N, C-alpha and C. Protein backbone atom coordinates (compact mmCIF):
# COMPACT_ATOMS: atom_id res chain seq x y z
N MET A 1 125.59 102.50 70.92
CA MET A 1 124.08 103.00 71.02
C MET A 1 124.09 104.35 70.63
N ASN A 2 122.91 104.56 69.91
CA ASN A 2 122.57 105.77 69.30
C ASN A 2 121.31 106.50 69.89
N ILE A 3 121.32 107.00 71.06
CA ILE A 3 120.19 107.66 71.86
C ILE A 3 119.56 108.43 70.86
N LEU A 4 120.16 109.28 69.93
CA LEU A 4 119.61 110.25 69.33
C LEU A 4 118.33 109.75 68.52
N LYS A 5 118.59 108.29 68.18
CA LYS A 5 117.44 107.63 67.31
C LYS A 5 116.32 107.42 68.29
N GLN A 6 116.28 107.62 69.65
CA GLN A 6 115.26 107.30 70.55
C GLN A 6 114.66 108.53 70.77
N LEU A 7 115.22 109.47 70.59
CA LEU A 7 114.40 110.99 70.94
C LEU A 7 113.09 111.32 70.17
N PRO A 8 112.27 111.71 71.12
CA PRO A 8 110.83 112.09 70.31
C PRO A 8 110.94 113.13 69.28
N THR A 9 110.23 113.10 68.09
CA THR A 9 110.17 114.32 67.48
C THR A 9 108.74 115.34 67.86
N LEU A 10 109.06 116.44 67.59
CA LEU A 10 107.94 117.00 67.95
C LEU A 10 106.87 117.29 66.87
N ASN A 11 105.90 117.19 67.37
CA ASN A 11 104.43 117.21 66.34
C ASN A 11 104.37 118.30 66.17
N THR A 12 104.00 118.78 64.89
CA THR A 12 103.63 120.19 64.26
C THR A 12 102.48 119.79 63.41
N SER A 13 101.44 121.05 63.58
CA SER A 13 100.52 121.22 62.46
C SER A 13 100.41 122.66 62.03
N VAL A 14 99.88 122.88 61.13
CA VAL A 14 99.61 124.28 60.49
C VAL A 14 98.40 124.55 60.49
N GLU A 15 97.66 125.32 61.23
CA GLU A 15 96.39 125.75 61.34
C GLU A 15 96.19 127.30 61.18
N SER A 16 95.84 127.71 60.13
CA SER A 16 95.61 129.25 60.20
C SER A 16 97.05 130.22 60.03
N ASN A 17 97.85 129.71 59.60
CA ASN A 17 99.12 130.04 59.73
C ASN A 17 99.68 130.15 61.17
N THR A 18 99.36 129.04 61.81
CA THR A 18 99.72 129.23 63.42
C THR A 18 100.73 127.77 63.32
N CYS A 19 101.67 127.55 63.99
CA CYS A 19 102.43 126.51 64.10
C CYS A 19 102.05 125.84 65.51
N LEU A 20 101.50 124.70 65.85
CA LEU A 20 101.24 124.45 67.44
C LEU A 20 102.26 123.12 67.57
N VAL A 21 102.90 123.58 68.48
CA VAL A 21 103.97 122.24 68.97
C VAL A 21 103.56 121.77 70.23
N GLU A 22 103.60 120.49 70.00
CA GLU A 22 103.33 119.63 71.41
C GLU A 22 104.50 119.69 72.06
N ASP A 23 104.16 119.87 73.74
CA ASP A 23 104.92 119.75 74.53
C ASP A 23 105.45 118.20 74.97
N THR A 24 106.71 118.37 74.87
CA THR A 24 107.42 116.88 74.82
C THR A 24 108.31 116.95 76.16
N SER A 25 108.04 117.85 76.94
CA SER A 25 108.98 117.80 78.12
C SER A 25 108.94 116.53 78.90
N ASP A 26 107.74 116.03 79.17
CA ASP A 26 107.77 114.75 79.65
C ASP A 26 108.65 113.62 78.91
N ASN A 27 108.63 113.74 77.69
CA ASN A 27 109.45 112.77 76.89
C ASN A 27 110.67 113.02 77.18
N VAL A 28 111.06 114.32 77.16
CA VAL A 28 112.68 114.47 77.74
C VAL A 28 113.03 114.17 78.65
N GLN A 29 112.25 114.36 79.62
CA GLN A 29 112.29 113.77 81.10
C GLN A 29 112.59 112.52 81.04
N GLU A 30 111.94 111.51 80.53
CA GLU A 30 111.46 110.48 80.59
C GLU A 30 112.70 110.04 80.03
N ILE A 31 113.19 110.28 79.09
CA ILE A 31 114.68 109.84 78.19
C ILE A 31 115.73 110.15 79.24
N SER A 32 115.44 110.99 79.54
CA SER A 32 116.91 111.62 80.78
C SER A 32 116.89 110.48 81.77
N GLN A 33 115.76 110.07 82.28
CA GLN A 33 115.49 109.21 83.26
C GLN A 33 115.99 107.89 82.72
N HIS A 34 115.67 107.37 81.32
CA HIS A 34 116.17 106.21 81.02
C HIS A 34 117.60 106.16 80.87
N ILE A 35 118.28 107.36 80.58
CA ILE A 35 119.78 107.12 80.53
C ILE A 35 120.38 107.13 81.62
N GLU A 36 119.76 107.68 82.83
CA GLU A 36 120.38 107.82 83.98
C GLU A 36 120.19 106.24 84.79
N LEU A 37 119.03 105.63 84.18
CA LEU A 37 119.20 104.10 84.91
C LEU A 37 119.97 103.52 84.17
N ILE A 38 120.19 103.52 82.89
CA ILE A 38 121.21 102.77 82.22
C ILE A 38 122.55 103.10 82.84
N ARG A 39 122.85 103.96 83.30
CA ARG A 39 123.93 104.49 83.83
C ARG A 39 124.36 103.71 85.31
N ILE A 40 123.07 103.66 85.95
CA ILE A 40 123.38 103.14 87.21
C ILE A 40 123.59 101.48 86.93
N ILE A 41 122.79 101.00 85.98
CA ILE A 41 122.91 99.40 85.62
C ILE A 41 124.04 98.94 84.95
N LYS A 42 124.86 99.98 84.36
CA LYS A 42 126.22 99.39 83.70
C LYS A 42 127.20 99.82 84.83
N ARG A 43 127.10 100.73 85.77
CA ARG A 43 128.03 100.85 86.97
C ARG A 43 127.85 99.55 87.81
N HIS A 44 126.90 98.90 87.72
CA HIS A 44 126.80 97.98 88.65
C HIS A 44 126.73 96.09 88.08
N GLU A 45 127.09 96.42 86.66
CA GLU A 45 126.61 95.25 86.17
C GLU A 45 127.89 94.14 86.52
N LEU A 46 128.92 94.61 86.69
CA LEU A 46 130.33 93.62 87.00
C LEU A 46 130.44 93.65 88.48
N CYS A 47 129.46 94.32 89.42
CA CYS A 47 129.68 94.00 90.96
C CYS A 47 128.87 92.71 91.10
N HIS A 48 129.42 92.17 92.42
CA HIS A 48 128.36 90.90 93.06
C HIS A 48 127.30 91.32 93.11
N GLY A 49 126.17 90.52 92.82
CA GLY A 49 124.86 91.02 93.04
C GLY A 49 123.96 91.33 91.91
N TRP A 50 122.50 91.50 91.93
CA TRP A 50 121.79 91.99 91.06
C TRP A 50 121.59 93.37 91.24
N THR A 51 120.90 93.94 90.20
CA THR A 51 120.32 95.16 90.23
C THR A 51 118.96 95.17 90.19
N LEU A 52 118.53 95.48 91.28
CA LEU A 52 116.93 95.49 91.47
C LEU A 52 116.32 96.77 91.39
N LEU A 53 115.22 96.60 90.37
CA LEU A 53 114.17 97.72 90.04
C LEU A 53 112.80 97.61 90.83
N ILE A 54 112.56 98.30 91.46
CA ILE A 54 111.08 98.00 92.06
C ILE A 54 110.09 98.95 91.85
N ALA A 55 109.09 98.37 90.96
CA ALA A 55 108.05 99.01 90.89
C ALA A 55 108.16 100.26 89.78
N PRO A 56 109.06 100.04 88.73
CA PRO A 56 109.03 101.24 87.71
C PRO A 56 108.01 101.46 86.94
N ASP A 57 107.64 102.77 87.05
CA ASP A 57 106.83 103.53 86.05
C ASP A 57 107.31 103.02 84.62
N HIS A 58 108.23 103.68 84.06
CA HIS A 58 108.61 103.29 82.79
C HIS A 58 110.00 102.91 82.76
N LEU A 59 110.08 101.89 81.96
CA LEU A 59 111.47 101.26 81.52
C LEU A 59 111.71 101.31 80.24
N PRO A 60 113.19 101.51 79.70
CA PRO A 60 113.36 101.61 78.49
C PRO A 60 112.74 100.29 77.56
N LYS A 61 112.62 100.40 76.49
CA LYS A 61 112.33 98.86 76.01
C LYS A 61 113.43 97.95 75.93
N LYS A 62 113.39 96.65 75.87
CA LYS A 62 114.36 95.74 75.96
C LYS A 62 115.48 95.81 74.88
N HIS A 63 115.04 96.44 73.77
CA HIS A 63 116.21 96.42 72.74
C HIS A 63 117.11 97.55 72.99
N ILE A 64 116.56 98.74 73.39
CA ILE A 64 117.48 99.77 73.77
C ILE A 64 118.54 99.55 75.08
N LEU A 65 117.89 98.42 76.15
CA LEU A 65 118.96 97.99 77.06
C LEU A 65 119.93 97.23 76.43
N VAL A 66 119.62 96.45 75.61
CA VAL A 66 120.67 95.37 74.91
C VAL A 66 121.63 96.05 74.02
N ASP A 67 121.06 97.42 73.39
CA ASP A 67 121.74 97.90 72.32
C ASP A 67 122.71 98.78 73.11
N ALA A 68 122.53 99.07 74.63
CA ALA A 68 123.35 99.62 75.52
C ALA A 68 124.30 99.13 75.98
N GLY A 69 124.53 97.78 75.59
CA GLY A 69 125.14 96.85 76.03
C GLY A 69 124.83 96.69 77.76
N ILE A 70 123.60 96.68 77.95
CA ILE A 70 123.08 95.96 79.60
C ILE A 70 123.13 94.37 79.38
N ASN A 71 123.71 94.04 80.15
CA ASN A 71 123.59 92.30 80.40
C ASN A 71 122.27 92.48 81.47
N LEU A 72 120.99 91.90 80.84
CA LEU A 72 119.96 91.91 81.64
C LEU A 72 119.93 90.46 82.15
N ASP A 73 120.90 89.63 82.24
CA ASP A 73 120.94 88.62 83.38
C ASP A 73 120.96 89.15 84.80
N LYS A 74 121.43 90.33 84.66
CA LYS A 74 122.08 90.73 86.11
C LYS A 74 120.86 91.95 86.75
N VAL A 75 119.89 91.98 86.33
CA VAL A 75 118.61 92.88 86.47
C VAL A 75 117.53 92.13 86.61
N LEU A 76 116.89 92.68 88.00
CA LEU A 76 115.60 91.99 88.34
C LEU A 76 114.68 92.95 88.62
N ILE A 77 113.56 92.93 88.06
CA ILE A 77 112.33 93.91 88.07
C ILE A 77 111.34 93.34 88.67
N ILE A 78 110.74 93.93 89.81
CA ILE A 78 109.48 93.62 90.67
C ILE A 78 108.62 94.83 89.85
N HIS A 79 107.63 94.34 89.28
CA HIS A 79 106.64 95.25 88.55
C HIS A 79 105.43 95.52 89.81
N LYS A 80 104.99 96.70 89.56
CA LYS A 80 103.88 97.06 90.36
C LYS A 80 102.69 96.09 90.86
N LYS A 81 102.35 95.62 89.75
CA LYS A 81 101.19 94.87 90.07
C LYS A 81 101.58 93.66 90.87
N ASN A 82 103.20 93.27 90.81
CA ASN A 82 103.63 92.37 92.04
C ASN A 82 103.74 92.70 93.05
N CYS A 83 103.69 93.90 93.39
CA CYS A 83 104.57 94.88 94.64
C CYS A 83 103.60 95.56 95.56
N CYS A 84 102.72 95.08 96.19
CA CYS A 84 101.71 95.88 96.77
C CYS A 84 102.29 96.85 98.17
N ASP A 85 103.59 96.44 98.51
CA ASP A 85 104.43 97.29 99.50
C ASP A 85 105.81 97.53 99.47
N VAL A 86 106.05 98.40 98.62
CA VAL A 86 107.47 98.68 98.06
C VAL A 86 108.24 99.05 99.18
N LEU A 87 107.99 99.73 100.31
CA LEU A 87 109.09 99.58 101.30
C LEU A 87 109.32 98.33 101.86
N PHE A 88 108.27 97.45 101.94
CA PHE A 88 108.91 96.06 102.70
C PHE A 88 109.66 95.29 101.55
N LYS A 89 109.35 95.32 100.36
CA LYS A 89 110.42 94.71 99.28
C LYS A 89 111.61 95.24 99.48
N ALA A 90 112.01 96.49 99.24
CA ALA A 90 113.11 97.47 99.24
C ALA A 90 113.79 96.75 100.67
N TYR A 91 113.11 97.10 102.12
CA TYR A 91 113.77 96.61 103.06
C TYR A 91 114.27 94.97 102.99
N GLN A 92 113.54 94.15 102.13
CA GLN A 92 113.72 92.73 102.30
C GLN A 92 115.12 92.85 101.35
N ALA A 93 114.82 93.40 100.34
CA ALA A 93 116.39 93.32 99.37
C ALA A 93 117.72 93.59 99.92
N LEU A 94 117.61 94.84 101.08
CA LEU A 94 118.57 95.40 101.95
C LEU A 94 119.27 94.44 102.59
N LYS A 95 118.23 93.34 103.38
CA LYS A 95 118.63 92.63 104.17
C LYS A 95 119.50 91.55 103.62
N GLN A 96 119.18 91.40 102.37
CA GLN A 96 120.07 89.95 101.70
C GLN A 96 121.41 90.63 101.04
N ASP A 97 122.38 89.76 100.83
CA ASP A 97 123.40 90.18 100.22
C ASP A 97 123.66 89.75 98.97
N ASN A 98 122.29 89.84 98.03
CA ASN A 98 122.44 89.50 96.99
C ASN A 98 122.09 90.51 95.91
N PHE A 99 122.06 91.80 96.13
CA PHE A 99 122.00 93.01 95.52
C PHE A 99 123.13 93.98 95.45
N SER A 100 123.47 94.52 94.11
CA SER A 100 124.60 95.43 94.33
C SER A 100 123.93 96.74 94.23
N ALA A 101 122.88 97.12 93.46
CA ALA A 101 122.03 98.23 93.54
C ALA A 101 120.60 98.06 93.71
N LEU A 102 119.76 99.10 94.25
CA LEU A 102 118.42 98.74 94.42
C LEU A 102 117.94 100.23 93.89
N VAL A 103 117.32 100.15 93.06
CA VAL A 103 116.65 101.39 92.25
C VAL A 103 115.16 101.29 92.62
N ILE A 104 114.55 102.64 93.15
CA ILE A 104 113.09 102.96 93.66
C ILE A 104 112.83 104.07 92.93
N TRP A 105 111.69 104.46 92.68
CA TRP A 105 111.12 105.80 92.27
C TRP A 105 110.52 106.29 93.18
N ASP A 106 111.01 107.70 93.41
CA ASP A 106 110.60 108.69 94.63
C ASP A 106 109.32 108.64 94.93
N ASN A 107 108.09 108.45 93.67
CA ASN A 107 106.60 108.81 94.28
C ASN A 107 106.29 107.58 94.78
N LEU A 108 106.87 106.61 95.26
CA LEU A 108 106.21 105.30 95.76
C LEU A 108 106.74 105.45 97.20
N LEU A 109 107.56 106.23 97.50
CA LEU A 109 107.68 106.18 98.89
C LEU A 109 107.30 107.55 99.82
N THR A 110 107.30 107.50 101.12
CA THR A 110 107.07 109.11 101.57
C THR A 110 108.76 109.28 102.02
N GLU A 111 108.74 110.50 102.39
CA GLU A 111 110.05 110.71 102.86
C GLU A 111 110.61 110.20 104.09
N SER A 112 109.35 109.78 105.38
CA SER A 112 109.91 109.10 106.36
C SER A 112 110.36 107.41 105.80
N GLU A 113 109.59 106.91 104.80
CA GLU A 113 110.38 105.74 104.10
C GLU A 113 111.47 105.65 103.82
N SER A 114 111.66 106.85 102.91
CA SER A 114 113.10 106.97 102.38
C SER A 114 114.14 106.92 103.37
N ALA A 115 113.99 107.75 104.30
CA ALA A 115 114.89 107.94 105.43
C ALA A 115 115.25 106.50 106.14
N LEU A 116 114.04 105.67 106.33
CA LEU A 116 114.28 104.51 106.73
C LEU A 116 115.39 103.67 106.06
N LEU A 117 114.70 103.52 104.64
CA LEU A 117 115.56 102.97 103.85
C LEU A 117 117.12 103.24 103.78
N ASN A 118 117.39 104.88 103.75
CA ASN A 118 118.76 105.07 104.00
C ASN A 118 119.38 104.53 105.05
N ILE A 119 118.49 104.55 106.04
CA ILE A 119 119.50 104.25 107.41
C ILE A 119 119.82 102.80 107.22
N LYS A 120 119.13 101.94 106.68
CA LYS A 120 119.28 100.44 106.68
C LYS A 120 120.27 100.26 105.32
N ALA A 121 120.35 100.99 104.48
CA ALA A 121 121.20 100.86 103.41
C ALA A 121 122.75 101.21 103.85
N GLN A 122 122.92 102.15 104.59
CA GLN A 122 124.20 102.59 105.16
C GLN A 122 124.80 101.44 105.94
N HIS A 123 124.18 100.33 106.24
CA HIS A 123 124.81 99.21 106.87
C HIS A 123 124.72 97.99 105.87
N THR A 124 124.58 98.15 104.93
CA THR A 124 124.76 96.96 103.55
C THR A 124 125.57 97.48 102.61
N THR A 125 125.76 96.64 101.68
CA THR A 125 126.90 96.63 100.69
C THR A 125 126.15 97.18 99.50
N THR A 126 124.87 97.18 99.53
CA THR A 126 123.94 97.47 98.27
C THR A 126 123.96 98.87 98.28
N SER A 127 124.06 99.57 96.94
CA SER A 127 123.86 100.99 96.69
C SER A 127 122.51 101.16 96.39
N LEU A 128 121.69 102.23 97.27
CA LEU A 128 120.03 102.23 96.88
C LEU A 128 120.28 103.79 96.30
N TYR A 129 119.32 103.70 95.20
CA TYR A 129 119.35 104.71 94.35
C TYR A 129 117.74 105.19 94.50
N LEU A 130 117.51 106.48 94.55
CA LEU A 130 116.02 106.92 94.22
C LEU A 130 115.68 107.98 93.18
N LEU A 131 115.26 107.51 92.37
CA LEU A 131 115.01 108.24 91.05
C LEU A 131 113.86 109.19 91.05
N HIS A 132 113.93 110.22 90.83
CA HIS A 132 112.90 111.18 90.62
C HIS A 132 111.78 110.95 89.70
N HIS A 133 110.64 110.60 90.07
CA HIS A 133 109.47 110.44 88.88
C HIS A 133 109.50 111.26 87.70
N LYS A 134 109.60 112.64 87.90
CA LYS A 134 109.76 113.68 86.88
C LYS A 134 110.57 114.46 86.96
N ALA A 135 111.93 114.05 87.20
CA ALA A 135 113.28 114.75 87.20
C ALA A 135 114.29 114.39 86.32
N HIS A 136 115.43 115.05 86.24
CA HIS A 136 116.63 114.87 85.15
C HIS A 136 117.67 113.84 85.73
N ASP A 137 117.78 113.72 87.07
CA ASP A 137 118.89 113.12 87.79
C ASP A 137 118.27 112.25 88.86
N PRO A 138 118.94 111.30 89.17
CA PRO A 138 118.50 110.79 90.44
C PRO A 138 119.57 111.27 91.53
N ASP A 139 118.94 111.00 92.60
CA ASP A 139 119.87 111.12 93.96
C ASP A 139 120.22 109.85 94.53
N LEU A 140 121.81 109.75 94.82
CA LEU A 140 122.21 108.53 95.38
C LEU A 140 121.85 108.59 96.75
N ILE A 141 121.06 107.85 97.35
CA ILE A 141 120.86 107.59 98.75
C ILE A 141 121.73 107.23 99.97
N ALA A 142 122.20 106.06 99.32
CA ALA A 142 123.31 105.68 100.15
C ALA A 142 124.22 104.54 99.38
N HIS A 143 125.44 104.59 99.88
CA HIS A 143 125.90 103.12 99.36
C HIS A 143 126.61 102.53 100.33
């Protein structure tokens, strides 16, 4: 996989001898999040169970995941439009023994909801990951 092909280019324009550079920090953060998500999926793809992504904001394009060697047959996604209660879906996933990893974005839960999931995850074999909505690295909440 050549992730550099996927990096955004800076948009520049010249006006009155001034070079305007578009801020791409959000793009860089999104790419960092995609790389971390790929690492999580790869880490769990040989484990028993699915990797479940609940209500992701932005996912890498399918061809990027395939180029990274991701087995999409082991990844389940519950999109926001099909998930009115993230905490309930996550709790239900942790109750079952069908998932090796559960990935949730932190902007979807309150601190107390995250704490409840952390407690539940400590008593399961499912790894719980909370990805920061606009950050570079995920926090491993429980294993």
